[in-house]
Amino acid sequence: MSSTVDRRLLLLLLPLALCLPPLPALAEDAPQPGAVEEPGAIRVLLAAELETTLSSQMNGTLGELKASLGQQVAKDALLAQLNCDEALARSKVAAAELTMARQSLDAKRNLRKLDAVGDLEVAMANTEVQKAEGARALAQAQSGYCQVRAPFSGRVAKVHVKPFQTVAAGMPLFDLVSDGALKVRLNVPSSLLPRLKAGQALQVSILETGKDYDAHISAVNSRVDAVAQTVELEARLDAEHPELIAGMSGTARFPQPHD
């Protein structure tokens, strides 16, 4: 009996269901609030004028580090010092050998005046002096590897080592970024190439500060990315802004002809 009633209710409700308007479909690609960028905006990245990783040029043990993360350093500032006892000892040996070679050359020249030796002996003594001079120069250069100095003024972006750590030649020590106005890097569609030239103005909006900054194109890559069909640009901010640092990102917009 109950099954017969259920079938009758289903038959009565079915026409009503068919008359109801369909529910709106969920649009998977519907734009989300705040997700739509301004038309014509191109993603950009701020980069320092100079950026490098300083590595150890010799095997050795570090002393106390003279620079820390985020520290501002001047050009030629001492960042780290390695134990240089062995290198200094080699430098002293090379200096002594050079002194001995020069004394031998002077003696051979005096003997040559007395016809006690021939020209060949004098030439060989002169060659020994040149050889000793080269050895001393090499030892002095190796002694210079004991100190790690900043090649330009800037800030320490990363410290790869710890005080008193033993390092090998080629091991990264510090990441250093230069001070001054930052570069703007961006990739634009290659279809814009006819409009692009050095000195062209653009406006850069930085996400981290929420501000707009004026800039000009400084370089246009001579090669187009064949896969992405884009070309790389570099631009310069028109002024220095203390609140901006390398690594910040945002968007750039080229003024339209009627702007």
Protein backbone atom coordinates (compact mmCIF):
# COMPACT_ATOMS: atom_id res chain seq x y z
CA MET A 1 0.00 0.00 0.00
CA SER A 2 2.80 2.45 0.97
CA SER A 3 4.70 1.84 -2.30
CA THR A 4 1.57 2.68 -4.30
CA VAL A 5 1.22 6.01 -2.40
CA ASP A 6 4.90 6.85 -3.00
CA ARG A 7 4.50 6.32 -6.73
CA ARG A 8 1.44 8.58 -6.81
CA LEU A 9 3.31 11.36 -4.94
CA LEU A 10 6.24 11.05 -7.36
CA LEU A 11 3.91 11.37 -10.35
CA LEU A 12 2.31 14.48 -8.80
CA LEU A 13 5.64 16.20 -7.97
CA LEU A 14 7.44 15.43 -11.24
CA PRO A 15 5.54 18.02 -13.34
CA LEU A 16 6.24 20.67 -10.70
CA ALA A 17 9.97 19.91 -10.80
CA LEU A 18 10.07 20.19 -14.57
CA CYS A 19 8.50 23.66 -14.37
CA LEU A 20 11.10 25.05 -11.93
CA PRO A 21 13.82 27.28 -13.45
CA PRO A 22 17.27 25.63 -13.58
CA LEU A 23 19.85 26.56 -10.95
CA PRO A 24 22.61 28.91 -12.21
CA ALA A 25 25.71 27.02 -13.28
CA LEU A 26 28.95 27.59 -11.35
CA ALA A 27 31.40 29.34 -13.61
CA GLU A 28 34.79 27.82 -12.92
CA ASP A 29 36.59 30.59 -14.74
CA ALA A 30 34.55 33.42 -13.28
CA PRO A 31 36.82 36.29 -12.21
CA GLN A 32 37.37 36.49 -8.49
CA PRO A 33 37.31 39.82 -6.63
CA GLY A 34 40.69 41.50 -6.85
CA ALA A 35 42.09 38.89 -9.27
CA VAL A 36 41.68 40.95 -12.45
CA GLU A 37 44.70 43.04 -13.37
CA GLU A 38 44.48 46.36 -15.15
CA PRO A 39 44.36 45.88 -18.95
CA GLY A 40 47.79 46.45 -20.47
CA ALA A 41 49.64 45.79 -17.20
CA ILE A 42 52.79 43.66 -17.40
CA ARG A 43 54.46 41.86 -14.51
CA VAL A 44 57.80 43.34 -13.39
CA LEU A 45 60.60 42.52 -10.95
CA LEU A 46 63.00 44.95 -9.27
CA ALA A 47 66.69 44.04 -9.44
CA ALA A 48 69.88 45.66 -8.19
CA GLU A 49 72.32 47.27 -10.60
CA LEU A 50 75.03 44.86 -9.40
CA GLU A 51 74.44 41.55 -7.67
CA THR A 52 77.01 38.85 -6.98
CA THR A 53 77.94 35.89 -4.83
CA LEU A 54 81.35 36.17 -3.17
CA SER A 55 83.13 32.84 -2.83
CA SER A 56 86.26 31.66 -1.07
CA GLN A 57 89.33 31.63 -3.31
CA MET A 58 91.26 29.19 -1.13
CA ASN A 59 90.89 26.32 1.31
CA GLY A 60 91.00 27.50 4.89
CA THR A 61 89.25 28.25 8.16
CA LEU A 62 87.27 31.42 8.72
CA GLY A 63 87.68 33.71 11.69
CA GLU A 64 84.92 35.98 12.93
CA LEU A 65 82.71 37.32 10.15
CA LYS A 66 82.88 41.08 9.70
CA ALA A 67 79.47 41.41 8.01
CA SER A 68 75.97 40.20 8.81
CA LEU A 69 72.66 39.83 6.99
CA GLY A 70 71.26 43.14 5.76
CA GLN A 71 74.37 45.11 6.74
CA GLN A 72 75.42 47.97 4.52
CA VAL A 73 79.08 47.79 3.50
CA ALA A 74 81.39 50.14 1.66
CA LYS A 75 83.56 49.22 -1.32
CA ASP A 76 86.68 47.28 -0.24
CA ALA A 77 85.23 46.71 3.24
CA LEU A 78 86.54 43.55 4.93
CA LEU A 79 83.76 40.94 5.09
CA ALA A 80 85.67 37.88 6.29
CA GLN A 81 89.19 36.79 7.19
CA LEU A 82 90.66 33.32 6.73
CA ASN A 83 93.55 31.81 8.64
CA CYS A 84 96.58 32.73 6.52
CA ASP A 85 99.54 31.31 8.45
CA GLU A 86 100.48 28.90 5.67
CA ALA A 87 100.06 31.44 2.89
CA LEU A 88 102.13 34.03 4.77
CA ALA A 89 104.87 31.47 5.35
CA ARG A 90 105.02 30.69 1.61
CA SER A 91 105.22 34.42 0.90
CA LYS A 92 108.21 34.79 3.24
CA VAL A 93 109.97 31.83 1.62
CA ALA A 94 109.41 33.33 -1.83
CA ALA A 95 110.78 36.70 -0.69
CA ALA A 96 113.90 35.03 0.71
CA GLU A 97 114.48 33.07 -2.49
CA LEU A 98 114.18 36.27 -4.51
CA THR A 99 116.78 37.99 -2.33
CA MET A 100 119.14 35.05 -2.75
CA ALA A 101 118.65 35.02 -6.54
CA ARG A 102 119.42 38.73 -6.79
CA GLN A 103 122.58 38.31 -4.70
CA SER A 104 123.68 35.48 -6.98
CA LEU A 105 123.08 37.64 -10.04
CA ASP A 106 125.16 40.49 -8.60
CA ALA A 107 127.97 38.07 -7.84
CA LYS A 108 127.91 36.64 -11.37
CA ARG A 109 128.03 40.13 -12.88
CA ASN A 110 131.06 41.01 -10.79
CA LEU A 111 132.78 37.78 -11.79
CA ARG A 112 131.95 38.48 -15.42
CA LYS A 113 133.86 41.75 -15.18
CA LEU A 114 136.86 39.72 -14.10
CA ASP A 115 136.26 37.18 -16.90
CA ALA A 116 135.78 34.53 -14.20
CA VAL A 117 132.42 33.43 -15.66
CA GLY A 118 130.87 33.56 -19.07
CA ASP A 119 127.77 35.33 -20.41
CA LEU A 120 125.78 32.12 -20.08
CA GLU A 121 126.22 32.02 -16.30
CA VAL A 122 125.06 35.64 -16.01
CA ALA A 123 122.02 34.95 -18.20
CA MET A 124 121.10 31.91 -16.13
CA ALA A 125 121.39 33.92 -12.91
CA ASN A 126 119.15 36.60 -14.41
CA THR A 127 116.59 33.92 -15.30
CA GLU A 128 116.63 32.67 -11.71
CA VAL A 129 115.81 36.19 -10.54
CA GLN A 130 112.83 36.38 -12.89
CA LYS A 131 111.66 32.97 -11.71
CA ALA A 132 111.93 34.05 -8.06
CA GLU A 133 110.03 37.27 -8.80
CA GLY A 134 107.20 35.24 -10.30
CA ALA A 135 107.10 32.92 -7.29
CA ARG A 136 106.94 35.89 -4.91
CA ALA A 137 104.12 37.51 -6.93
CA LEU A 138 102.18 34.23 -6.83
CA ALA A 139 102.68 33.89 -3.07
CA GLN A 140 101.54 37.48 -2.52
CA ALA A 141 98.43 36.91 -4.64
CA GLN A 142 97.57 33.78 -2.66
CA SER A 143 98.03 35.71 0.58
CA GLY A 144 95.46 38.18 -0.71
CA TYR A 145 92.89 35.37 -0.91
CA CYS A 146 92.84 35.29 2.89
CA GLN A 147 90.72 38.42 3.00
CA VAL A 148 87.26 38.67 1.46
CA ARG A 149 86.42 42.27 0.58
CA ALA A 150 83.36 43.91 -0.96
CA PRO A 151 83.94 44.66 -4.66
CA PHE A 152 81.35 47.46 -4.52
CA SER A 153 79.25 49.25 -1.93
CA GLY A 154 75.93 47.63 -1.12
CA ARG A 155 74.08 45.40 1.32
CA VAL A 156 74.61 41.80 2.37
CA ALA A 157 71.64 39.83 1.02
CA LYS A 158 72.68 36.40 2.33
CA VAL A 159 75.37 34.84 4.52
CA HIS A 160 76.20 31.27 3.48
CA VAL A 161 78.74 30.40 6.21
CA LYS A 162 79.28 30.60 9.97
CA PRO A 163 82.22 31.95 11.98
CA PHE A 164 85.21 29.60 12.34
CA GLN A 165 83.84 27.29 9.62
CA THR A 166 86.28 25.44 7.38
CA VAL A 167 85.64 26.26 3.73
CA ALA A 168 86.87 25.01 0.38
CA ALA A 169 87.90 27.06 -2.65
CA GLY A 170 84.81 28.11 -4.57
CA MET A 171 82.43 27.81 -1.60
CA PRO A 172 79.86 30.67 -1.48
CA LEU A 173 80.32 33.09 1.43
CA PHE A 174 78.10 36.15 0.89
CA ASP A 175 75.46 37.44 -1.52
CA LEU A 176 75.93 41.17 -2.12
CA VAL A 177 73.57 43.62 -3.86
CA SER A 178 74.57 47.14 -4.79
CA ASP A 179 73.08 50.40 -3.56
CA GLY A 180 71.50 53.00 -5.80
CA ALA A 181 68.61 53.09 -8.22
CA LEU A 182 67.11 49.71 -9.04
CA LYS A 183 66.55 48.11 -12.43
CA VAL A 184 63.11 47.02 -13.58
CA ARG A 185 62.97 43.71 -15.47
CA LEU A 186 59.95 42.70 -17.51
CA ASN A 187 58.93 40.56 -20.48
CA VAL A 188 56.50 42.07 -22.96
CA PRO A 189 54.72 40.52 -25.97
CA SER A 190 56.94 40.60 -29.03
CA SER A 191 54.08 42.26 -30.95
CA LEU A 192 54.97 45.46 -29.07
CA LEU A 193 58.51 45.56 -30.48
CA PRO A 194 57.72 48.22 -33.13
CA ARG A 195 56.65 50.56 -30.31
CA LEU A 196 59.56 49.88 -27.94
CA LYS A 197 62.74 51.96 -27.82
CA ALA A 198 65.28 53.12 -25.27
CA GLY A 199 64.11 56.13 -23.32
CA GLN A 200 60.42 55.29 -23.63
CA ALA A 201 58.45 56.11 -20.47
CA LEU A 202 56.47 53.62 -18.42
CA GLN A 203 54.79 53.60 -15.03
CA VAL A 204 55.60 50.92 -12.49
CA SER A 205 53.24 49.92 -9.67
CA ILE A 206 54.94 48.03 -6.83
CA LEU A 207 52.83 45.54 -4.91
CA GLU A 208 54.73 45.79 -1.61
CA THR A 209 54.44 49.59 -1.34
CA GLY A 210 51.18 50.18 -3.18
CA LYS A 211 52.78 53.16 -4.98
CA ASP A 212 53.44 54.12 -8.59
CA TYR A 213 56.89 55.09 -9.88
CA ASP A 214 58.06 56.64 -13.14
CA ALA A 215 60.66 54.80 -15.19
CA HIS A 216 62.18 54.71 -18.66
CA ILE A 217 63.32 51.80 -20.85
CA SER A 218 67.10 51.43 -20.76
CA ALA A 219 67.62 48.28 -22.85
CA VAL A 220 65.68 46.01 -25.22
CA ASN A 221 66.87 42.43 -25.72
CA SER A 222 68.02 41.67 -29.26
CA ARG A 223 66.40 38.23 -29.21
CA VAL A 224 62.75 37.18 -28.92
CA ASP A 225 61.76 34.13 -26.89
CA ALA A 226 60.44 31.88 -29.67
CA VAL A 227 58.32 29.80 -27.29
CA ALA A 228 56.65 32.51 -25.23
CA GLN A 229 56.76 35.12 -28.02
CA THR A 230 58.04 37.74 -25.60
CA VAL A 231 61.03 40.06 -25.45
CA GLU A 232 62.95 41.00 -22.31
CA LEU A 233 63.28 44.65 -21.31
CA GLU A 234 65.21 46.56 -18.69
CA ALA A 235 64.08 49.91 -17.36
CA ARG A 236 65.47 52.44 -14.88
CA LEU A 237 63.50 54.21 -12.20
CA ASP A 238 63.73 57.97 -12.66
CA ALA A 239 64.76 58.48 -9.02
CA GLU A 240 66.02 56.57 -6.00
CA HIS A 241 63.36 55.48 -3.52
CA PRO A 242 64.59 54.26 -0.10
CA GLU A 243 61.50 52.11 0.44
CA LEU A 244 62.25 49.95 -2.61
CA ILE A 245 64.56 46.93 -2.41
CA ALA A 246 65.60 44.27 -4.90
CA GLY A 247 63.14 41.41 -5.26
CA MET A 248 59.96 43.47 -5.01
CA SER A 249 57.45 42.92 -7.80
CA GLY A 250 54.48 44.62 -9.38
CA THR A 251 53.16 45.67 -12.76
CA ALA A 252 54.14 48.14 -15.47
CA ARG A 253 51.95 50.03 -17.88
CA PHE A 254 52.99 51.80 -21.06
CA PRO A 255 51.12 55.08 -21.63
CA GLN A 256 48.89 54.96 -24.65
CA PRO A 257 49.44 57.55 -27.40
CA HIS A 258 46.38 59.48 -26.22
CA ASP A 259 47.43 59.40 -22.52
